[in-house]
Amino acid sequence: MGKIAIGCDIGGTNLRGALIREDGHIIKRQSILSEADKGIDFVVKNLANLIQQTIKGDDIAGVGIGIPGIIDSSKGILTQAPNINNVNNYPLRDVLIEKIGESVPVFIENDANCVAIGEWWVGAGKDVKSLIILTLGTGVGGGIILNGDLWNGADGMAGEIGHITIYPDGAKCNCGNFGCLESYASAGAIRRMVKQGLETDLETIIREKVKNTSKERIPEIVREAAMQEDKFALWIWDEFGKALGIAIANLVNLLNVEMVVIGGGLANAWELFIDRAKKEAKKRGLRAPIKRVKIVKSVLGDDAGILGAGYLVFKEEGII
């Protein structure tokens, strides 16, 4: 069968893990609660349990972990993590090894970078050498593959595409800046635009639909309203696509990659924003690189991150 890796994806709600073969085939899956709201120590305890449940009876080459936050991959330190409490230069790899033992190597990377690796390895980008991934969800994540290698940057922070400035005097972002892509092409951005719109007297079916619903459901409601030709909902997705297209043009002009892959939960609204995004990118991009680049939807979905984490093991252990 060859070597097997464990790929793990740490989310704000769930921890997902899988046994992965050298060819990118997933053999077995596991999922448990992360308890991220209780702090990093709970997350690591649950992660250790997940790994031990997954590892039983198998010869494991190592464990790869994708986690949202800023990572010092060489030292295995989680510097910052926006969705996990009590994180400040946390020695994630060392603490985890104490719990699972030293016999299994552990590799840690940012979750969006793992998604980029997964899509490049066995997903939408398996036939290209360079790509950028944008993950559209609560925020906007990103990862960059250049000449078949992940580009981390000097401080391990490359790929923070959500904080490219789109409109210098635009809406305030959670990072403290103004006009970031994340302020226009994320679930948080959609909620902001809905809130501002409903404070006026415009007519929209969204007004009734959002009553007595959770904020997490709002992007889906806006998608449903747009499918019913609601003008306000269509405008929101148009703004979403325009901002995304501006960002894509900037990225392609800068890096001249072969492919841009769009994933994350909001990619499910693909048909509502992608035409505007491509139109805007074509208008602003330099002729040759924007003509060459393929803008495609993720094909791996939620599996991209765990597959990318598994690939880390195979690469670092010299298996592939």
C-alpha atoms as a PDB file:
ATOM      1  CA  MET A   1       0.000   0.000   0.000  1.00  0.00           C
ATOM      2  CA  GLY A   2       2.937   2.335   0.587  1.00  0.00           C
ATOM      3  CA  LYS A   3       3.240   4.968   3.265  1.00  0.00           C
ATOM      4  CA  ILE A   4       0.215   6.539   4.954  1.00  0.00           C
ATOM      5  CA  ALA A   5      -0.102  10.050   6.408  1.00  0.00           C
ATOM      6  CA  ILE A   6      -2.648  11.569   8.740  1.00  0.00           C
ATOM      7  CA  GLY A   7      -4.009  14.889   7.512  1.00  0.00           C
ATOM      8  CA  CYS A   8      -5.872  17.072  10.021  1.00  0.00           C
ATOM      9  CA  ASP A   9      -7.911  20.232   9.573  1.00  0.00           C
ATOM     10  CA  ILE A  10      -8.632  22.312  12.670  1.00  0.00           C
ATOM     11  CA  GLY A  11     -11.790  24.402  12.494  1.00  0.00           C
ATOM     12  CA  GLY A  12     -13.607  26.622  14.950  1.00  0.00           C
ATOM     13  CA  THR A  13     -16.254  23.909  15.461  1.00  0.00           C
ATOM     14  CA  ASN A  14     -14.818  20.608  14.265  1.00  0.00           C
ATOM     15  CA  LEU A  15     -11.535  18.757  13.971  1.00  0.00           C
ATOM     16  CA  ARG A  16     -11.365  16.547  10.893  1.00  0.00           C
ATOM     17  CA  GLY A  17      -8.733  13.950  10.204  1.00  0.00           C
ATOM     18  CA  ALA A  18      -8.073  11.327   7.550  1.00  0.00           C
ATOM     19  CA  LEU A  19      -5.687   8.565   6.613  1.00  0.00           C
ATOM     20  CA  ILE A  20      -4.192   9.450   3.226  1.00  0.00           C
ATOM     21  CA  ARG A  21      -2.196   7.364   0.752  1.00  0.00           C
ATOM     22  CA  GLU A  22       0.760   8.626  -1.306  1.00  0.00           C
ATOM     23  CA  ASP A  23      -1.524   9.004  -4.326  1.00  0.00           C
ATOM     24  CA  GLY A  24      -3.875  11.359  -2.449  1.00  0.00           C
ATOM     25  CA  HIS A  25      -6.572   8.745  -1.848  1.00  0.00           C
ATOM     26  CA  ILE A  26      -8.406   9.075   1.484  1.00  0.00           C
ATOM     27  CA  ILE A  27      -8.716   5.722   3.249  1.00  0.00           C
ATOM     28  CA  LYS A  28     -10.513   6.637   6.463  1.00  0.00           C
ATOM     29  CA  ARG A  29     -12.022   9.757   8.026  1.00  0.00           C
ATOM     30  CA  GLN A  30     -12.648  10.933  11.581  1.00  0.00           C
ATOM     31  CA  SER A  31     -14.349  14.061  12.957  1.00  0.00           C
ATOM     32  CA  ILE A  32     -14.797  15.368  16.498  1.00  0.00           C
ATOM     33  CA  LEU A  33     -15.573  18.710  18.133  1.00  0.00           C
ATOM     34  CA  SER A  34     -12.650  21.123  18.431  1.00  0.00           C
ATOM     35  CA  GLU A  35     -13.906  23.147  21.442  1.00  0.00           C
ATOM     36  CA  ALA A  36     -11.894  26.088  20.131  1.00  0.00           C
ATOM     37  CA  ASP A  37     -13.965  28.493  22.235  1.00  0.00           C
ATOM     38  CA  LYS A  38     -12.519  26.871  25.376  1.00  0.00           C
ATOM     39  CA  GLY A  39      -8.942  27.581  24.355  1.00  0.00           C
ATOM     40  CA  ILE A  40      -5.925  26.026  22.687  1.00  0.00           C
ATOM     41  CA  ASP A  41      -5.327  23.410  25.401  1.00  0.00           C
ATOM     42  CA  PHE A  42      -8.748  21.868  24.721  1.00  0.00           C
ATOM     43  CA  VAL A  43      -8.071  21.918  20.990  1.00  0.00           C
ATOM     44  CA  VAL A  44      -4.758  20.080  21.424  1.00  0.00           C
ATOM     45  CA  LYS A  45      -6.301  17.507  23.777  1.00  0.00           C
ATOM     46  CA  ASN A  46      -9.042  16.807  21.228  1.00  0.00           C
ATOM     47  CA  LEU A  47      -6.526  16.782  18.373  1.00  0.00           C
ATOM     48  CA  ALA A  48      -4.430  14.175  20.190  1.00  0.00           C
ATOM     49  CA  ASN A  49      -7.533  12.031  20.698  1.00  0.00           C
ATOM     50  CA  LEU A  50      -8.434  12.368  17.012  1.00  0.00           C
ATOM     51  CA  ILE A  51      -4.937  11.331  15.919  1.00  0.00           C
ATOM     52  CA  GLN A  52      -4.854   8.369  18.304  1.00  0.00           C
ATOM     53  CA  GLN A  53      -8.273   7.187  17.085  1.00  0.00           C
ATOM     54  CA  THR A  54      -7.164   7.490  13.463  1.00  0.00           C
ATOM     55  CA  ILE A  55      -3.732   5.942  13.884  1.00  0.00           C
ATOM     56  CA  LYS A  56      -4.784   2.585  15.378  1.00  0.00           C
ATOM     57  CA  GLY A  57      -3.389  -0.384  13.513  1.00  0.00           C
ATOM     58  CA  ASP A  58      -1.700   1.615  10.784  1.00  0.00           C
ATOM     59  CA  ASP A  59       1.932   2.368   9.926  1.00  0.00           C
ATOM     60  CA  ILE A  60       1.963   6.168   9.840  1.00  0.00           C
ATOM     61  CA  ALA A  61       4.657   8.278   8.161  1.00  0.00           C
ATOM     62  CA  GLY A  62       3.606  11.393  10.084  1.00  0.00           C
ATOM     63  CA  VAL A  63       0.871  13.865  10.930  1.00  0.00           C
ATOM     64  CA  GLY A  64       0.158  17.045   8.959  1.00  0.00           C
ATOM     65  CA  ILE A  65      -2.007  19.730  10.521  1.00  0.00           C
ATOM     66  CA  GLY A  66      -3.727  22.719   8.948  1.00  0.00           C
ATOM     67  CA  ILE A  67      -4.832  25.377  11.403  1.00  0.00           C
ATOM     68  CA  PRO A  68      -6.159  28.930  10.949  1.00  0.00           C
ATOM     69  CA  GLY A  69      -3.619  31.431  12.146  1.00  0.00           C
ATOM     70  CA  ILE A  70      -0.042  32.589  11.755  1.00  0.00           C
ATOM     71  CA  ILE A  71       2.397  29.691  11.885  1.00  0.00           C
ATOM     72  CA  ASP A  72       6.132  29.378  12.385  1.00  0.00           C
ATOM     73  CA  SER A  73       6.274  26.077  10.494  1.00  0.00           C
ATOM     74  CA  SER A  74       9.971  25.403  11.158  1.00  0.00           C
ATOM     75  CA  LYS A  75       9.471  25.579  14.943  1.00  0.00           C
ATOM     76  CA  GLY A  76       5.908  24.264  15.045  1.00  0.00           C
ATOM     77  CA  ILE A  77       4.695  27.383  16.856  1.00  0.00           C
ATOM     78  CA  LEU A  78       1.204  28.819  16.502  1.00  0.00           C
ATOM     79  CA  THR A  79       1.922  32.545  16.782  1.00  0.00           C
ATOM     80  CA  GLN A  80      -1.640  33.845  16.513  1.00  0.00           C
ATOM     81  CA  ALA A  81      -5.034  32.226  15.905  1.00  0.00           C
ATOM     82  CA  PRO A  82      -8.105  34.450  15.485  1.00  0.00           C
ATOM     83  CA  ASN A  83     -10.686  31.742  16.256  1.00  0.00           C
ATOM     84  CA  ILE A  84      -8.951  29.926  19.124  1.00  0.00           C
ATOM     85  CA  ASN A  85      -8.674  31.396  22.605  1.00  0.00           C
ATOM     86  CA  ASN A  86      -5.447  31.735  24.615  1.00  0.00           C
ATOM     87  CA  VAL A  87      -2.997  31.563  21.720  1.00  0.00           C
ATOM     88  CA  ASN A  88       0.245  33.535  21.961  1.00  0.00           C
ATOM     89  CA  ASN A  89       3.329  31.845  20.500  1.00  0.00           C
ATOM     90  CA  TYR A  90       1.919  28.457  21.475  1.00  0.00           C
ATOM     91  CA  PRO A  91       4.377  25.534  20.913  1.00  0.00           C
ATOM     92  CA  LEU A  92       1.755  23.389  19.212  1.00  0.00           C
ATOM     93  CA  ARG A  93       4.072  20.722  17.800  1.00  0.00           C
ATOM     94  CA  ASP A  94       5.957  20.158  21.057  1.00  0.00           C
ATOM     95  CA  VAL A  95       2.786  19.971  23.160  1.00  0.00           C
ATOM     96  CA  LEU A  96       1.162  17.579  20.708  1.00  0.00           C
ATOM     97  CA  ILE A  97       4.220  15.303  20.562  1.00  0.00           C
ATOM     98  CA  GLU A  98       4.129  15.063  24.368  1.00  0.00           C
ATOM     99  CA  LYS A  99       0.624  13.624  24.038  1.00  0.00           C
ATOM    100  CA  ILE A 100       1.008  11.275  21.036  1.00  0.00           C
ATOM    101  CA  GLY A 101       4.678  10.310  21.409  1.00  0.00           C
ATOM    102  CA  GLU A 102       7.874  11.115  19.533  1.00  0.00           C
ATOM    103  CA  SER A 103       7.666   8.213  17.092  1.00  0.00           C
ATOM    104  CA  VAL A 104       5.344  10.080  14.701  1.00  0.00           C
ATOM    105  CA  PRO A 105       6.649  13.291  13.039  1.00  0.00           C
ATOM    106  CA  VAL A 106       4.300  16.303  13.172  1.00  0.00           C
ATOM    107  CA  PHE A 107       4.135  19.098  10.583  1.00  0.00           C
ATOM    108  CA  ILE A 108       2.049  22.275  10.945  1.00  0.00           C
ATOM    109  CA  GLU A 109       0.892  24.793   8.354  1.00  0.00           C
ATOM    110  CA  ASN A 110      -1.735  27.516   7.923  1.00  0.00           C
ATOM    111  CA  ASP A 111      -5.083  26.002   6.886  1.00  0.00           C
ATOM    112  CA  ALA A 112      -5.491  28.062   3.702  1.00  0.00           C
ATOM    113  CA  ASN A 113      -1.967  27.072   2.650  1.00  0.00           C
ATOM    114  CA  CYS A 114      -2.973  23.441   3.139  1.00  0.00           C
ATOM    115  CA  VAL A 115      -5.997  24.026   0.902  1.00  0.00           C
ATOM    116  CA  ALA A 116      -3.697  25.467  -1.778  1.00  0.00           C
ATOM    117  CA  ILE A 117      -1.380  22.468  -1.518  1.00  0.00           C
ATOM    118  CA  GLY A 118      -4.277  20.016  -1.706  1.00  0.00           C
ATOM    119  CA  GLU A 119      -5.809  21.623  -4.795  1.00  0.00           C
ATOM    120  CA  TRP A 120      -2.400  21.752  -6.486  1.00  0.00           C
ATOM    121  CA  TRP A 121      -1.522  18.150  -5.565  1.00  0.00           C
ATOM    122  CA  VAL A 122      -4.688  16.258  -6.533  1.00  0.00           C
ATOM    123  CA  GLY A 123      -7.338  18.883  -7.224  1.00  0.00           C
ATOM    124  CA  ALA A 124      -8.123  21.617  -9.721  1.00  0.00           C
ATOM    125  CA  GLY A 125      -4.449  22.547 -10.124  1.00  0.00           C
ATOM    126  CA  LYS A 126      -2.883  19.093 -10.462  1.00  0.00           C
ATOM    127  CA  ASP A 127      -1.671  19.894 -13.984  1.00  0.00           C
ATOM    128  CA  VAL A 128      -0.138  23.321 -13.290  1.00  0.00           C
ATOM    129  CA  LYS A 129       3.010  24.527 -11.558  1.00  0.00           C
ATOM    130  CA  SER A 130       1.665  27.811 -10.162  1.00  0.00           C
ATOM    131  CA  LEU A 131      -1.630  28.789  -8.626  1.00  0.00           C
ATOM    132  CA  ILE A 132      -3.290  31.001  -6.074  1.00  0.00           C
ATOM    133  CA  ILE A 133      -6.221  29.869  -3.975  1.00  0.00           C
ATOM    134  CA  LEU A 134      -8.804  32.152  -2.420  1.00  0.00           C
ATOM    135  CA  THR A 135     -11.016  30.626   0.263  1.00  0.00           C
ATOM    136  CA  LEU A 136     -14.230  32.595   0.675  1.00  0.00           C
ATOM    137  CA  GLY A 137     -15.928  32.039   4.005  1.00  0.00           C
ATOM    138  CA  THR A 138     -16.305  34.019   7.221  1.00  0.00           C
ATOM    139  CA  GLY A 139     -13.222  35.867   5.987  1.00  0.00           C
ATOM    140  CA  VAL A 140     -10.968  35.464   2.949  1.00  0.00           C
ATOM    141  CA  GLY A 141      -7.986  33.138   3.133  1.00  0.00           C
ATOM    142  CA  GLY A 142      -5.336  32.519   0.541  1.00  0.00           C
ATOM    143  CA  GLY A 143      -2.400  30.386  -0.445  1.00  0.00           C
ATOM    144  CA  ILE A 144       0.253  30.628  -3.172  1.00  0.00           C
ATOM    145  CA  ILE A 145       1.998  27.812  -5.055  1.00  0.00           C
ATOM    146  CA  LEU A 146       4.951  28.884  -7.214  1.00  0.00           C
ATOM    147  CA  ASN A 147       6.911  26.381  -9.327  1.00  0.00           C
ATOM    148  CA  GLY A 148       5.346  23.521  -7.389  1.00  0.00           C
ATOM    149  CA  ASP A 149       6.262  24.870  -3.940  1.00  0.00           C
ATOM    150  CA  LEU A 150       4.254  26.662  -1.283  1.00  0.00           C
ATOM    151  CA  TRP A 151       5.325  30.292  -0.937  1.00  0.00           C
ATOM    152  CA  ASN A 152       5.331  31.166   2.787  1.00  0.00           C
ATOM    153  CA  GLY A 153       7.103  34.520   2.676  1.00  0.00           C
ATOM    154  CA  ALA A 154       9.826  35.880   4.938  1.00  0.00           C
ATOM    155  CA  ASP A 155       7.635  35.748   8.061  1.00  0.00           C
ATOM    156  CA  GLY A 156       5.428  32.807   7.128  1.00  0.00           C
ATOM    157  CA  MET A 157       2.554  35.182   6.399  1.00  0.00           C
ATOM    158  CA  ALA A 158       2.390  35.117   2.595  1.00  0.00           C
ATOM    159  CA  GLY A 159      -1.066  34.539   1.147  1.00  0.00           C
ATOM    160  CA  GLU A 160      -3.049  36.928   3.363  1.00  0.00           C
ATOM    161  CA  ILE A 161      -5.058  37.821   0.271  1.00  0.00           C
ATOM    162  CA  GLY A 162      -8.086  38.898   2.283  1.00  0.00           C
ATOM    163  CA  HIS A 163      -6.161  42.010   3.302  1.00  0.00           C
ATOM    164  CA  ILE A 164      -5.307  43.310  -0.143  1.00  0.00           C
ATOM    165  CA  THR A 165      -6.700  46.843  -0.310  1.00  0.00           C
ATOM    166  CA  ILE A 166      -9.506  47.070  -2.868  1.00  0.00           C
ATOM    167  CA  TYR A 167     -10.985  50.470  -1.981  1.00  0.00           C
ATOM    168  CA  PRO A 168      -8.633  52.726   0.056  1.00  0.00           C
ATOM    169  CA  ASP A 169     -11.534  54.597   1.671  1.00  0.00           C
ATOM    170  CA  GLY A 170     -13.810  51.565   1.885  1.00  0.00           C
ATOM    171  CA  ALA A 171     -15.475  49.669   4.707  1.00  0.00           C
ATOM    172  CA  LYS A 172     -13.489  48.937   7.845  1.00  0.00           C
ATOM    173  CA  CYS A 173     -12.011  45.439   8.057  1.00  0.00           C
ATOM    174  CA  ASN A 174     -11.572  43.338  11.202  1.00  0.00           C
ATOM    175  CA  CYS A 175      -7.810  43.780  10.762  1.00  0.00           C
ATOM    176  CA  GLY A 176      -8.251  47.514  11.429  1.00  0.00           C
ATOM    177  CA  ASN A 177      -7.579  48.620   7.865  1.00  0.00           C
ATOM    178  CA  PHE A 178     -10.139  49.995   5.411  1.00  0.00           C
ATOM    179  CA  GLY A 179     -11.298  48.599   2.091  1.00  0.00           C
ATOM    180  CA  CYS A 180      -9.749  45.106   2.320  1.00  0.00           C
ATOM    181  CA  LEU A 181     -10.993  42.345   0.030  1.00  0.00           C
ATOM    182  CA  GLU A 182     -12.371  40.618   3.135  1.00  0.00           C
ATOM    183  CA  SER A 183     -14.645  43.622   3.666  1.00  0.00           C
ATOM    184  CA  TYR A 184     -16.307  42.965   0.294  1.00  0.00           C
ATOM    185  CA  ALA A 185     -16.036  39.254  -0.571  1.00  0.00           C
ATOM    186  CA  SER A 186     -16.768  37.309   2.613  1.00  0.00           C
ATOM    187  CA  ALA A 187     -19.692  36.208   4.745  1.00  0.00           C
ATOM    188  CA  GLY A 188     -18.957  39.110   7.073  1.00  0.00           C
ATOM    189  CA  ALA A 189     -19.065  41.496   4.111  1.00  0.00           C
ATOM    190  CA  ILE A 190     -22.432  40.159   2.986  1.00  0.00           C
ATOM    191  CA  ARG A 191     -23.854  40.620   6.474  1.00  0.00           C
ATOM    192  CA  ARG A 192     -22.545  44.190   6.545  1.00  0.00           C
ATOM    193  CA  MET A 193     -24.130  45.021   3.186  1.00  0.00           C
ATOM    194  CA  VAL A 194     -27.450  43.477   4.256  1.00  0.00           C
ATOM    195  CA  LYS A 195     -27.466  45.438   7.510  1.00  0.00           C
ATOM    196  CA  GLN A 196     -26.734  48.714   5.744  1.00  0.00           C
ATOM    197  CA  GLY A 197     -29.334  48.058   3.065  1.00  0.00           C
ATOM    198  CA  LEU A 198     -32.082  47.197   5.532  1.00  0.00           C
ATOM    199  CA  GLU A 199     -31.471  50.443   7.376  1.00  0.00           C
ATOM    200  CA  THR A 200     -32.938  52.180   4.300  1.00  0.00           C
ATOM    201  CA  ASP A 201     -36.429  51.835   2.836  1.00  0.00           C
ATOM    202  CA  LEU A 202     -35.456  49.721  -0.178  1.00  0.00           C
ATOM    203  CA  GLU A 203     -37.762  46.892  -1.191  1.00  0.00           C
ATOM    204  CA  THR A 204     -36.274  43.421  -0.871  1.00  0.00           C
ATOM    205  CA  ILE A 205     -37.484  39.959   0.075  1.00  0.00           C
ATOM    206  CA  ILE A 206     -34.385  39.702   2.259  1.00  0.00           C
ATOM    207  CA  ARG A 207     -36.091  41.933   4.837  1.00  0.00           C
ATOM    208  CA  GLU A 208     -38.603  39.216   5.741  1.00  0.00           C
ATOM    209  CA  LYS A 209     -36.260  36.298   5.216  1.00  0.00           C
ATOM    210  CA  VAL A 210     -33.673  37.455   7.771  1.00  0.00           C
ATOM    211  CA  LYS A 211     -36.172  37.907  10.590  1.00  0.00           C
ATOM    212  CA  ASN A 212     -35.593  35.428  13.421  1.00  0.00           C
ATOM    213  CA  THR A 213     -32.618  33.832  11.708  1.00  0.00           C
ATOM    214  CA  SER A 214     -28.998  33.441  12.784  1.00  0.00           C
ATOM    215  CA  LYS A 215     -26.317  35.651  11.284  1.00  0.00           C
ATOM    216  CA  GLU A 216     -24.599  32.537   9.917  1.00  0.00           C
ATOM    217  CA  ARG A 217     -27.614  31.928   7.650  1.00  0.00           C
ATOM    218  CA  ILE A 218     -27.619  35.408   6.089  1.00  0.00           C
ATOM    219  CA  PRO A 219     -25.260  34.670   3.140  1.00  0.00           C
ATOM    220  CA  GLU A 220     -27.396  31.674   2.184  1.00  0.00           C
ATOM    221  CA  ILE A 221     -30.543  33.802   2.419  1.00  0.00           C
ATOM    222  CA  VAL A 222     -28.931  36.391   0.118  1.00  0.00           C
ATOM    223  CA  ARG A 223     -28.058  33.603  -2.301  1.00  0.00           C
ATOM    224  CA  GLU A 224     -31.647  32.325  -2.266  1.00  0.00           C
ATOM    225  CA  ALA A 225     -32.989  35.854  -2.793  1.00  0.00           C
ATOM    226  CA  ALA A 226     -30.641  36.417  -5.743  1.00  0.00           C
ATOM    227  CA  MET A 227     -31.862  33.188  -7.346  1.00  0.00           C
ATOM    228  CA  GLN A 228     -35.342  34.733  -7.107  1.00  0.00           C
ATOM    229  CA  GLU A 229     -34.074  37.837  -8.962  1.00  0.00           C
ATOM    230  CA  ASP A 230     -34.208  40.123  -5.914  1.00  0.00           C
ATOM    231  CA  LYS A 231     -32.457  43.326  -7.052  1.00  0.00           C
ATOM    232  CA  PHE A 232     -30.791  44.054  -3.720  1.00  0.00           C
ATOM    233  CA  ALA A 233     -29.429  40.497  -3.443  1.00  0.00           C
ATOM    234  CA  LEU A 234     -28.153  40.623  -7.024  1.00  0.00           C
ATOM    235  CA  TRP A 235     -26.427  43.925  -6.271  1.00  0.00           C
ATOM    236  CA  ILE A 236     -24.687  42.383  -3.243  1.00  0.00           C
ATOM    237  CA  TRP A 237     -23.272  39.527  -5.324  1.00  0.00           C
ATOM    238  CA  ASP A 238     -22.273  41.997  -8.031  1.00  0.00           C
ATOM    239  CA  GLU A 239     -20.279  44.010  -5.483  1.00  0.00           C
ATOM    240  CA  PHE A 240     -18.812  40.758  -4.174  1.00  0.00           C
ATOM    241  CA  GLY A 241     -17.724  39.726  -7.680  1.00  0.00           C
ATOM    242  CA  LYS A 242     -16.336  43.144  -8.553  1.00  0.00           C
ATOM    243  CA  ALA A 243     -14.073  43.227  -5.483  1.00  0.00           C
ATOM    244  CA  LEU A 244     -12.954  39.660  -6.150  1.00  0.00           C
ATOM    245  CA  GLY A 245     -12.129  40.513  -9.759  1.00  0.00           C
ATOM    246  CA  ILE A 246     -10.023  43.511  -8.732  1.00  0.00           C
ATOM    247  CA  ALA A 247      -8.052  41.303  -6.347  1.00  0.00           C
ATOM    248  CA  ILE A 248      -7.572  38.593  -8.969  1.00  0.00           C
ATOM    249  CA  ALA A 249      -6.260  41.136 -11.491  1.00  0.00           C
ATOM    250  CA  ASN A 250      -3.752  42.461  -8.949  1.00  0.00           C
ATOM    251  CA  LEU A 251      -2.566  38.962  -8.075  1.00  0.00           C
ATOM    252  CA  VAL A 252      -2.239  37.854 -11.692  1.00  0.00           C
ATOM    253  CA  ASN A 253      -0.425  41.065 -12.667  1.00  0.00           C
ATOM    254  CA  LEU A 254       2.013  40.522  -9.810  1.00  0.00           C
ATOM    255  CA  LEU A 255       2.650  36.773  -9.985  1.00  0.00           C
ATOM    256  CA  ASN A 256       1.571  35.687 -13.491  1.00  0.00           C
ATOM    257  CA  VAL A 257       0.238  32.368 -12.148  1.00  0.00           C
ATOM    258  CA  GLU A 258      -1.412  29.769 -14.371  1.00  0.00           C
ATOM    259  CA  MET A 259      -4.523  29.346 -12.252  1.00  0.00           C
ATOM    260  CA  VAL A 260      -6.679  30.998  -9.600  1.00  0.00           C
ATOM    261  CA  VAL A 261      -8.773  28.530  -7.594  1.00  0.00           C
ATOM    262  CA  ILE A 262     -11.773  29.754  -5.609  1.00  0.00           C
ATOM    263  CA  GLY A 263     -13.003  27.661  -2.702  1.00  0.00           C
ATOM    264  CA  GLY A 264     -14.666  27.993   0.686  1.00  0.00           C
ATOM    265  CA  GLY A 265     -18.339  27.902   1.588  1.00  0.00           C
ATOM    266  CA  LEU A 266     -19.281  30.960  -0.462  1.00  0.00           C
ATOM    267  CA  ALA A 267     -17.981  29.322  -3.638  1.00  0.00           C
ATOM    268  CA  ASN A 268     -21.384  27.595  -3.630  1.00  0.00           C
ATOM    269  CA  ALA A 269     -22.771  30.911  -4.945  1.00  0.00           C
ATOM    270  CA  TRP A 270     -20.347  30.659  -7.894  1.00  0.00           C
ATOM    271  CA  GLU A 271     -22.916  31.406 -10.582  1.00  0.00           C
ATOM    272  CA  LEU A 272     -23.922  34.661  -8.854  1.00  0.00           C
ATOM    273  CA  PHE A 273     -20.501  36.326  -8.711  1.00  0.00           C
ATOM    274  CA  ILE A 274     -18.052  34.657 -11.073  1.00  0.00           C
ATOM    275  CA  ASP A 275     -19.082  36.398 -14.321  1.00  0.00           C
ATOM    276  CA  ARG A 276     -18.623  39.822 -12.721  1.00  0.00           C
ATOM    277  CA  ALA A 277     -15.339  38.725 -11.157  1.00  0.00           C
ATOM    278  CA  LYS A 278     -13.953  37.506 -14.493  1.00  0.00           C
ATOM    279  CA  LYS A 279     -15.149  40.637 -16.287  1.00  0.00           C
ATOM    280  CA  GLU A 280     -13.479  42.903 -13.720  1.00  0.00           C
ATOM    281  CA  ALA A 281     -10.276  40.863 -13.757  1.00  0.00           C
ATOM    282  CA  LYS A 282     -10.114  40.987 -17.557  1.00  0.00           C
ATOM    283  CA  LYS A 283     -10.657  44.764 -17.535  1.00  0.00           C
ATOM    284  CA  ARG A 284      -7.867  45.403 -15.019  1.00  0.00           C
ATOM    285  CA  GLY A 285      -5.375  42.650 -15.746  1.00  0.00           C
ATOM    286  CA  LEU A 286      -2.444  42.918 -18.115  1.00  0.00           C
ATOM    287  CA  ARG A 287      -3.357  41.350 -21.430  1.00  0.00           C
ATOM    288  CA  ALA A 288      -1.062  38.314 -21.619  1.00  0.00           C
ATOM    289  CA  PRO A 289      -1.247  37.042 -18.003  1.00  0.00           C
ATOM    290  CA  ILE A 290      -4.994  37.651 -17.618  1.00  0.00           C
ATOM    291  CA  LYS A 291      -5.663  35.852 -20.903  1.00  0.00           C
ATOM    292  CA  ARG A 292      -3.542  32.879 -19.815  1.00  0.00           C
ATOM    293  CA  VAL A 293      -4.862  32.443 -16.282  1.00  0.00           C
ATOM    294  CA  LYS A 294      -7.654  29.961 -15.575  1.00  0.00           C
ATOM    295  CA  ILE A 295     -10.141  31.018 -12.899  1.00  0.00           C
ATOM    296  CA  VAL A 296     -11.762  27.856 -11.579  1.00  0.00           C
ATOM    297  CA  LYS A 297     -13.807  26.523  -8.682  1.00  0.00           C
ATOM    298  CA  SER A 298     -12.252  24.196  -6.115  1.00  0.00           C
ATOM    299  CA  VAL A 299     -12.907  20.534  -6.895  1.00  0.00           C
ATOM    300  CA  LEU A 300     -11.869  19.083  -3.530  1.00  0.00           C
ATOM    301  CA  GLY A 301     -14.220  21.098  -1.326  1.00  0.00           C
ATOM    302  CA  ASP A 302     -13.715  20.370   2.384  1.00  0.00           C
ATOM    303  CA  ASP A 303     -11.137  17.676   1.614  1.00  0.00           C
ATOM    304  CA  ALA A 304      -8.576  20.119   0.190  1.00  0.00           C
ATOM    305  CA  GLY A 305      -7.179  21.113   3.588  1.00  0.00           C
ATOM    306  CA  ILE A 306      -6.733  17.610   4.975  1.00  0.00           C
ATOM    307  CA  LEU A 307      -5.182  16.403   1.711  1.00  0.00           C
ATOM    308  CA  GLY A 308      -2.773  19.339   1.736  1.00  0.00           C
ATOM    309  CA  ALA A 309      -1.862  18.557   5.337  1.00  0.00           C
ATOM    310  CA  GLY A 310      -1.176  14.955   4.362  1.00  0.00           C
ATOM    311  CA  TYR A 311       1.027  16.082   1.482  1.00  0.00           C
ATOM    312  CA  LEU A 312       3.175  18.024   3.980  1.00  0.00           C
ATOM    313  CA  VAL A 313       4.099  14.717   5.606  1.00  0.00           C
ATOM    314  CA  PHE A 314       4.995  12.975   2.352  1.00  0.00           C
ATOM    315  CA  LYS A 315       7.107  15.914   1.172  1.00  0.00           C
ATOM    316  CA  GLU A 316       8.940  16.568   4.437  1.00  0.00           C
ATOM    317  CA  GLU A 317       9.660  12.865   4.901  1.00  0.00           C
ATOM    318  CA  GLY A 318      11.013  12.630   1.339  1.00  0.00           C
ATOM    319  CA  ILE A 319       8.365  10.118   0.268  1.00  0.00           C
ATOM    320  CA  ILE A 320       7.123  12.057  -2.773  1.00  0.00           C
END
